C-alpha atoms as a PDB file:
ATOM      1  CA  MET A   1      12.583   2.263  18.530  1.00  0.00           C
ATOM      2  CA  ASP A   2      11.370  -1.353  18.267  1.00  0.00           C
ATOM      3  CA  LYS A   3      12.837  -3.847  15.815  1.00  0.00           C
ATOM      4  CA  ASN A   4       9.704  -3.933  13.680  1.00  0.00           C
ATOM      5  CA  PHE A   5       9.859  -0.180  13.131  1.00  0.00           C
ATOM      6  CA  ARG A   6      13.601  -0.226  12.340  1.00  0.00           C
ATOM      7  CA  VAL A   7      13.162  -2.919   9.723  1.00  0.00           C
ATOM      8  CA  ARG A   8      10.136  -1.112   8.274  1.00  0.00           C
ATOM      9  CA  VAL A   9      12.192   2.099   7.927  1.00  0.00           C
ATOM     10  CA  ILE A  10      15.243   0.355   6.411  1.00  0.00           C
ATOM     11  CA  VAL A  11      13.185  -1.638   3.908  1.00  0.00           C
ATOM     12  CA  GLY A  12      11.040   1.395   3.085  1.00  0.00           C
ATOM     13  CA  VAL A  13      14.028   3.663   2.407  1.00  0.00           C
ATOM     14  CA  ALA A  14      15.758   1.009   0.282  1.00  0.00           C
ATOM     15  CA  MET A  15      12.608   0.444  -1.785  1.00  0.00           C
ATOM     16  CA  PHE A  16      12.127   4.198  -2.174  1.00  0.00           C
ATOM     17  CA  VAL A  17      15.677   4.687  -3.500  1.00  0.00           C
ATOM     18  CA  VAL A  18      15.275   1.819  -5.962  1.00  0.00           C
ATOM     19  CA  ALA A  19      11.904   3.188  -7.084  1.00  0.00           C
ATOM     20  CA  ILE A  20      13.255   6.707  -7.684  1.00  0.00           C
ATOM     21  CA  VAL A  21      16.227   5.427  -9.693  1.00  0.00           C
ATOM     22  CA  ALA A  22      13.940   3.192 -11.760  1.00  0.00           C
ATOM     23  CA  LEU A  23      11.410   6.001 -12.179  1.00  0.00           C
ATOM     24  CA  TYR A  24      13.895   8.327 -13.851  1.00  0.00           C
ATOM     25  CA  THR A  25      15.786   5.885 -16.071  1.00  0.00           C
ATOM     26  CA  PHE A  26      14.853   4.628 -19.539  1.00  0.00           C
ATOM     27  CA  ASP A  27      11.519   6.463 -19.614  1.00  0.00           C
ATOM     28  CA  ALA A  28      10.465   4.884 -16.272  1.00  0.00           C
ATOM     29  CA  ILE A  29      10.175   1.437 -17.890  1.00  0.00           C
ATOM     30  CA  PRO A  30      12.274  -0.233 -15.114  1.00  0.00           C
ATOM     31  CA  PHE A  31       9.916   1.206 -12.501  1.00  0.00           C
ATOM     32  CA  LYS A  32       6.864  -0.106 -14.313  1.00  0.00           C
ATOM     33  CA  ILE A  33       8.492  -3.533 -14.592  1.00  0.00           C
ATOM     34  CA  ILE A  34       9.315  -3.510 -10.868  1.00  0.00           C
ATOM     35  CA  TYR A  35       5.722  -2.639  -9.968  1.00  0.00           C
ATOM     36  CA  GLY A  36       4.463  -5.382 -12.275  1.00  0.00           C
ATOM     37  CA  PHE A  37       6.837  -7.826 -10.566  1.00  0.00           C
ATOM     38  CA  PHE A  38       5.548  -6.772  -7.130  1.00  0.00           C
ATOM     39  CA  ALA A  39       1.977  -7.238  -8.337  1.00  0.00           C
ATOM     40  CA  PHE A  40       2.790 -10.699  -9.732  1.00  0.00           C
ATOM     41  CA  ILE A  41       4.397 -11.931  -6.477  1.00  0.00           C
ATOM     42  CA  SER A  42       1.479 -10.396  -4.558  1.00  0.00           C
ATOM     43  CA  LEU A  43      -0.828 -12.508  -6.714  1.00  0.00           C
ATOM     44  CA  ILE A  44       1.136 -15.634  -5.768  1.00  0.00           C
ATOM     45  CA  GLU A  45       0.863 -14.658  -2.086  1.00  0.00           C
ATOM     46  CA  LEU A  46      -2.870 -14.186  -2.525  1.00  0.00           C
ATOM     47  CA  ILE A  47      -3.281 -17.623  -4.107  1.00  0.00           C
ATOM     48  CA  SER A  48      -1.331 -19.143  -1.213  1.00  0.00           C
ATOM     49  CA  PHE A  49      -4.113 -17.962   1.136  1.00  0.00           C
ATOM     50  CA  PHE A  50      -6.266 -20.780  -0.248  1.00  0.00           C
ATOM     51  CA  LYS A  51      -4.051 -23.487   1.213  1.00  0.00           C
ATOM     52  CA  ASN A  52      -6.531 -24.257   3.976  1.00  0.00           C
ATOM     53  CA  LYS A  53      -9.636 -22.150   3.330  1.00  0.00           C
ATOM     54  CA  ARG A  54     -12.014 -22.247   0.364  1.00  0.00           C
ATOM     55  CA  LYS A  55     -15.285 -20.371   0.834  1.00  0.00           C
ATOM     56  CA  SER A  56     -17.357 -18.323  -1.603  1.00  0.00           C
ATOM     57  CA  ARG A  57     -16.743 -15.082   0.297  1.00  0.00           C
ATOM     58  CA  GLN A  58     -13.009 -15.672   0.148  1.00  0.00           C
ATOM     59  CA  PHE A  59     -13.109 -16.244  -3.612  1.00  0.00           C
ATOM     60  CA  PHE A  60     -15.066 -12.993  -4.026  1.00  0.00           C
ATOM     61  CA  LEU A  61     -12.644 -10.937  -1.917  1.00  0.00           C
ATOM     62  CA  ALA A  62      -9.597 -12.499  -3.561  1.00  0.00           C
ATOM     63  CA  GLY A  63     -11.149 -11.749  -6.954  1.00  0.00           C
ATOM     64  CA  LEU A  64     -11.479  -8.078  -6.034  1.00  0.00           C
ATOM     65  CA  GLU A  65      -7.854  -7.979  -4.881  1.00  0.00           C
ATOM     66  CA  ILE A  66      -6.756  -9.526  -8.168  1.00  0.00           C
ATOM     67  CA  LEU A  67      -8.621  -6.771 -10.028  1.00  0.00           C
ATOM     68  CA  PHE A  68      -6.871  -4.148  -7.897  1.00  0.00           C
ATOM     69  CA  LEU A  69      -3.470  -5.653  -8.707  1.00  0.00           C
ATOM     70  CA  VAL A  70      -4.176  -5.854 -12.442  1.00  0.00           C
ATOM     71  CA  TRP A  71      -5.825  -2.454 -12.852  1.00  0.00           C
ATOM     72  CA  SER A  72      -3.201  -0.694 -10.739  1.00  0.00           C
ATOM     73  CA  THR A  73      -0.509  -2.194 -12.971  1.00  0.00           C
ATOM     74  CA  VAL A  74      -2.350  -0.765 -15.987  1.00  0.00           C
ATOM     75  CA  PHE A  75      -2.519   2.636 -14.275  1.00  0.00           C
ATOM     76  CA  VAL A  76       1.202   2.608 -13.409  1.00  0.00           C
ATOM     77  CA  ALA A  77       2.009   1.654 -17.010  1.00  0.00           C
ATOM     78  CA  LYS A  78       0.021   4.659 -18.281  1.00  0.00           C
ATOM     79  CA  ILE A  79       1.148   7.565 -16.105  1.00  0.00           C
ATOM     80  CA  ASP A  80       4.357   9.568 -16.326  1.00  0.00           C
ATOM     81  CA  PRO A  81       6.946   9.996 -13.517  1.00  0.00           C
ATOM     82  CA  ALA A  82       5.726  13.490 -12.624  1.00  0.00           C
ATOM     83  CA  HIS A  83       2.231  12.216 -11.873  1.00  0.00           C
ATOM     84  CA  PHE A  84       3.483   9.233  -9.939  1.00  0.00           C
ATOM     85  CA  TRP A  85       4.939  11.634  -7.375  1.00  0.00           C
ATOM     86  CA  TYR A  86       1.355  12.301  -6.308  1.00  0.00           C
ATOM     87  CA  ILE A  87       0.985   8.580  -5.615  1.00  0.00           C
ATOM     88  CA  ILE A  88       4.269   8.449  -3.679  1.00  0.00           C
ATOM     89  CA  LEU A  89       3.350  11.423  -1.483  1.00  0.00           C
ATOM     90  CA  GLY A  90      -0.276  10.419  -1.066  1.00  0.00           C
ATOM     91  CA  VAL A  91      -0.078   6.655  -0.506  1.00  0.00           C
ATOM     92  CA  PRO A  92       3.288   5.693   1.083  1.00  0.00           C
ATOM     93  CA  GLY A  93       3.223   9.208   2.579  1.00  0.00           C
ATOM     94  CA  TYR A  94      -0.022   8.430   4.379  1.00  0.00           C
ATOM     95  CA  ASP A  95       1.267   5.038   5.516  1.00  0.00           C
ATOM     96  CA  ILE A  96       4.507   6.473   6.930  1.00  0.00           C
ATOM     97  CA  PHE A  97       2.900   9.391   8.754  1.00  0.00           C
ATOM     98  CA  ALA A  98      -0.025   7.331  10.039  1.00  0.00           C
ATOM     99  CA  TYR A  99       2.416   4.792  11.496  1.00  0.00           C
ATOM    100  CA  LEU A 100       4.703   7.484  12.912  1.00  0.00           C
ATOM    101  CA  PHE A 101       1.968   9.631  14.456  1.00  0.00           C
ATOM    102  CA  GLY A 102       0.230   6.522  15.717  1.00  0.00           C
ATOM    103  CA  LYS A 103       3.421   5.547  17.549  1.00  0.00           C
ATOM    104  CA  LEU A 104       3.959   9.059  18.918  1.00  0.00           C
ATOM    105  CA  PHE A 105       0.427  10.144  19.812  1.00  0.00           C
ATOM    106  CA  GLY A 106      -1.775   7.039  19.587  1.00  0.00           C
ATOM    107  CA  GLY A 107      -4.273   6.904  22.457  1.00  0.00           C
ATOM    108  CA  LYS A 108      -3.333  10.311  23.889  1.00  0.00           C
ATOM    109  CA  VAL A 109      -6.395  12.187  22.598  1.00  0.00           C
ATOM    110  CA  PHE A 110      -8.890   9.398  21.900  1.00  0.00           C
ATOM    111  CA  LYS A 111      -7.914   7.300  24.887  1.00  0.00           C
ATOM    112  CA  LYS A 112     -10.571   4.586  24.815  1.00  0.00           C
ATOM    113  CA  SER A 113     -11.531   4.258  21.183  1.00  0.00           C
ATOM    114  CA  ARG A 114     -10.077   2.922  17.937  1.00  0.00           C
ATOM    115  CA  PRO A 115     -11.393   3.768  14.467  1.00  0.00           C
ATOM    116  CA  PHE A 116     -11.478   0.193  13.109  1.00  0.00           C
ATOM    117  CA  PRO A 117     -11.326  -2.213  16.060  1.00  0.00           C
ATOM    118  CA  LYS A 118     -12.804  -5.204  14.190  1.00  0.00           C
ATOM    119  CA  ILE A 119     -10.605  -4.884  11.089  1.00  0.00           C
ATOM    120  CA  SER A 120      -7.334  -3.293  12.169  1.00  0.00           C
ATOM    121  CA  LYS A 121      -7.187  -3.001  15.935  1.00  0.00           C
ATOM    122  CA  ASN A 122      -3.734  -1.365  15.989  1.00  0.00           C
ATOM    123  CA  LYS A 123      -4.828   1.732  14.051  1.00  0.00           C
ATOM    124  CA  THR A 124      -5.442   4.813  16.159  1.00  0.00           C
ATOM    125  CA  TRP A 125      -7.566   7.888  15.549  1.00  0.00           C
ATOM    126  CA  GLU A 126      -4.510  10.101  15.989  1.00  0.00           C
ATOM    127  CA  GLY A 127      -2.394   8.213  13.467  1.00  0.00           C
ATOM    128  CA  THR A 128      -5.227   7.903  10.945  1.00  0.00           C
ATOM    129  CA  ILE A 129      -6.282  11.563  11.057  1.00  0.00           C
ATOM    130  CA  LEU A 130      -2.772  13.024  11.093  1.00  0.00           C
ATOM    131  CA  GLY A 131      -1.599  10.566   8.424  1.00  0.00           C
ATOM    132  CA  ILE A 132      -4.383  11.594   6.038  1.00  0.00           C
ATOM    133  CA  ALA A 133      -3.881  15.298   6.812  1.00  0.00           C
ATOM    134  CA  SER A 134      -0.106  15.108   6.235  1.00  0.00           C
ATOM    135  CA  ALA A 135      -0.415  13.265   2.918  1.00  0.00           C
ATOM    136  CA  PHE A 136      -3.221  15.579   1.800  1.00  0.00           C
ATOM    137  CA  CYS A 137      -1.070  18.637   2.521  1.00  0.00           C
ATOM    138  CA  MET A 138       1.946  17.246   0.643  1.00  0.00           C
ATOM    139  CA  VAL A 139      -0.090  16.403  -2.451  1.00  0.00           C
ATOM    140  CA  SER A 140      -1.802  19.828  -2.317  1.00  0.00           C
ATOM    141  CA  ILE A 141       1.554  21.611  -2.136  1.00  0.00           C
ATOM    142  CA  LEU A 142       2.940  19.652  -5.087  1.00  0.00           C
ATOM    143  CA  ILE A 143      -0.167  20.379  -7.173  1.00  0.00           C
ATOM    144  CA  ALA A 144       0.099  24.093  -6.348  1.00  0.00           C
ATOM    145  CA  VAL A 145       3.849  24.222  -7.097  1.00  0.00           C
ATOM    146  CA  ARG A 146       3.478  22.383 -10.400  1.00  0.00           C
ATOM    147  CA  GLY A 147       0.500  24.444 -11.495  1.00  0.00           C
ATOM    148  CA  ALA A 148      -1.111  21.173 -12.389  1.00  0.00           C
ATOM    149  CA  LEU A 149      -4.116  20.479 -14.576  1.00  0.00           C
ATOM    150  CA  ALA A 150      -7.604  20.477 -13.096  1.00  0.00           C
ATOM    151  CA  THR A 151      -7.773  16.671 -13.395  1.00  0.00           C
ATOM    152  CA  ASP A 152      -4.733  16.326 -11.107  1.00  0.00           C
ATOM    153  CA  TRP A 153      -6.870  17.258  -8.129  1.00  0.00           C
ATOM    154  CA  MET A 154      -8.151  13.689  -8.101  1.00  0.00           C
ATOM    155  CA  TYR A 155      -4.823  12.752  -6.490  1.00  0.00           C
ATOM    156  CA  LEU A 156      -5.996  14.456  -3.296  1.00  0.00           C
ATOM    157  CA  LEU A 157      -7.971  11.238  -2.806  1.00  0.00           C
ATOM    158  CA  CYS A 158      -4.746   9.236  -2.465  1.00  0.00           C
ATOM    159  CA  ALA A 159      -4.577   9.267   1.346  1.00  0.00           C
ATOM    160  CA  PRO A 160      -8.177   8.161   2.082  1.00  0.00           C
ATOM    161  CA  LEU A 161      -7.905   5.613  -0.735  1.00  0.00           C
ATOM    162  CA  ALA A 162      -4.668   4.320   0.790  1.00  0.00           C
ATOM    163  CA  LEU A 163      -6.477   3.853   4.099  1.00  0.00           C
ATOM    164  CA  ALA A 164      -9.341   2.049   2.353  1.00  0.00           C
ATOM    165  CA  GLY A 165      -6.908  -0.252   0.539  1.00  0.00           C
ATOM    166  CA  ASP A 166      -5.085  -1.076   3.743  1.00  0.00           C
ATOM    167  CA  LEU A 167      -8.356  -1.840   5.521  1.00  0.00           C
ATOM    168  CA  PHE A 168      -9.538  -4.018   2.639  1.00  0.00           C
ATOM    169  CA  GLU A 169      -6.400  -6.144   2.803  1.00  0.00           C
ATOM    170  CA  SER A 170      -6.656  -6.377   6.594  1.00  0.00           C
ATOM    171  CA  TYR A 171     -10.241  -7.608   6.207  1.00  0.00           C
ATOM    172  CA  LEU A 172      -9.147 -10.015   3.473  1.00  0.00           C
ATOM    173  CA  LYS A 173      -6.446 -11.526   5.703  1.00  0.00           C
ATOM    174  CA  ARG A 174      -8.887 -11.861   8.588  1.00  0.00           C
ATOM    175  CA  GLN A 175     -11.263 -13.796   6.349  1.00  0.00           C
ATOM    176  CA  PHE A 176      -8.427 -16.176   5.484  1.00  0.00           C
ATOM    177  CA  GLU A 177      -7.134 -16.166   9.087  1.00  0.00           C
ATOM    178  CA  VAL A 178      -3.585 -15.173   8.120  1.00  0.00           C
ATOM    179  CA  LYS A 179      -1.512 -12.534   9.890  1.00  0.00           C
ATOM    180  CA  ASP A 180       0.821 -11.461   7.073  1.00  0.00           C
ATOM    181  CA  SER A 181       0.435 -11.802   3.333  1.00  0.00           C
ATOM    182  CA  ASN A 182       3.604 -13.923   3.117  1.00  0.00           C
ATOM    183  CA  GLU A 183       2.733 -16.150   6.068  1.00  0.00           C
ATOM    184  CA  ILE A 184       2.813 -19.292   3.924  1.00  0.00           C
ATOM    185  CA  LEU A 185       5.434 -18.325   1.328  1.00  0.00           C
ATOM    186  CA  ILE A 186       8.053 -17.232   3.881  1.00  0.00           C
ATOM    187  CA  LYS A 187       8.215 -20.893   4.949  1.00  0.00           C
ATOM    188  CA  ASN A 188       8.777 -22.029   1.372  1.00  0.00           C
ATOM    189  CA  LYS A 189      12.444 -22.341   0.389  1.00  0.00           C
ATOM    190  CA  TYR A 190      11.700 -21.181  -3.168  1.00  0.00           C
ATOM    191  CA  PHE A 191      10.131 -17.895  -2.043  1.00  0.00           C
ATOM    192  CA  ARG A 192      11.912 -17.177   1.244  1.00  0.00           C
ATOM    193  CA  GLY A 193      14.664 -15.110  -0.392  1.00  0.00           C
ATOM    194  CA  LEU A 194      12.144 -12.990  -2.288  1.00  0.00           C
ATOM    195  CA  GLU A 195      10.031 -12.352   0.804  1.00  0.00           C
ATOM    196  CA  LEU A 196      13.075 -11.220   2.793  1.00  0.00           C
ATOM    197  CA  LEU A 197      13.578  -8.427   0.230  1.00  0.00           C
ATOM    198  CA  VAL A 198      10.567  -6.668   1.716  1.00  0.00           C
ATOM    199  CA  GLY A 199      11.291  -7.406   5.368  1.00  0.00           C
ATOM    200  CA  GLY A 200       9.184 -10.534   5.317  1.00  0.00           C
ATOM    201  CA  SER A 201      10.512 -12.158   8.470  1.00  0.00           C
ATOM    202  CA  GLU A 202       9.675  -9.314  10.843  1.00  0.00           C
ATOM    203  CA  GLY A 203       5.915  -9.673  11.255  1.00  0.00           C
ATOM    204  CA  HIS A 204       4.866  -7.064   8.681  1.00  0.00           C
ATOM    205  CA  GLY A 205       6.066  -8.789   5.558  1.00  0.00           C
ATOM    206  CA  GLY A 206       4.952  -9.680   2.115  1.00  0.00           C
ATOM    207  CA  PHE A 207       4.752  -8.000  -1.255  1.00  0.00           C
ATOM    208  CA  LEU A 208       0.985  -7.627  -0.960  1.00  0.00           C
ATOM    209  CA  ASP A 209       1.446  -5.812   2.358  1.00  0.00           C
ATOM    210  CA  ARG A 210       3.755  -3.378   0.570  1.00  0.00           C
ATOM    211  CA  ILE A 211       1.483  -2.474  -2.336  1.00  0.00           C
ATOM    212  CA  ASP A 212      -2.051  -3.124  -1.055  1.00  0.00           C
ATOM    213  CA  SER A 213      -2.800   0.579  -0.556  1.00  0.00           C
ATOM    214  CA  THR A 214      -1.201   1.572  -3.858  1.00  0.00           C
ATOM    215  CA  ALA A 215      -3.112  -1.132  -5.739  1.00  0.00           C
ATOM    216  CA  PHE A 216      -6.461   0.036  -4.370  1.00  0.00           C
ATOM    217  CA  ALA A 217      -5.749   3.761  -4.801  1.00  0.00           C
ATOM    218  CA  ALA A 218      -4.380   3.351  -8.339  1.00  0.00           C
ATOM    219  CA  THR A 219      -7.415   1.283  -9.352  1.00  0.00           C
ATOM    220  CA  ILE A 220      -9.876   3.941  -8.200  1.00  0.00           C
ATOM    221  CA  LEU A 221      -7.783   6.692  -9.811  1.00  0.00           C
ATOM    222  CA  LEU A 222      -7.770   4.723 -13.063  1.00  0.00           C
ATOM    223  CA  LEU A 223     -11.567   4.499 -12.996  1.00  0.00           C
ATOM    224  CA  ILE A 224     -11.878   8.224 -12.204  1.00  0.00           C
ATOM    225  CA  SER A 225      -9.461   9.156 -14.994  1.00  0.00           C
ATOM    226  CA  CYS A 226     -11.556   7.135 -17.454  1.00  0.00           C
ATOM    227  CA  LEU A 227     -14.632   9.157 -16.460  1.00  0.00           C
ATOM    228  CA  LEU A 228     -12.986  12.601 -16.650  1.00  0.00           C
END
């Protein structure tokens, strides 16, 4: 197991424990505050992208990301803990299984092709397909067990939306020519401690990297819920 993966697992488990505790205390208000804090620091990371680059396309993409961060915070503030389990299983669930299956089986079936070579060259067909399938199954099982409302079936979109959100941020970073969302802030003494909380020094860091998929998925789910 490489160092990057170990740190990813340790940070992920720690954040999950904190999220669950916050989710079931004081009517989930601590959890909503934590998500809002993550979104706020992600916004600061996003602004830091403009240190060297200022083009119209970059302003447009950054503007979309800001909308995702704001609208997802609104969505998190609205939903109850029971419904947020769909998000946890569908979004981080996809990310974990896609990474794991990509490590285990990547390139063994689709040996010479990648699904998104120009945006995210490390993603594999095996990891992407099995990640979506695993998250889809977990959300489906929870919906069936809970006997959920008909509108809850929209959460089956979590996994593909998580993939779309991840790809959008990857494209965004390529447009700004940065590798990680905290690439600039991790070098700043005022933010270094914060960035280390999410494994920022290990090449996969940054608050935006942690919630990019959730921000995109929650935004789309908010729009769908407004239409239902």
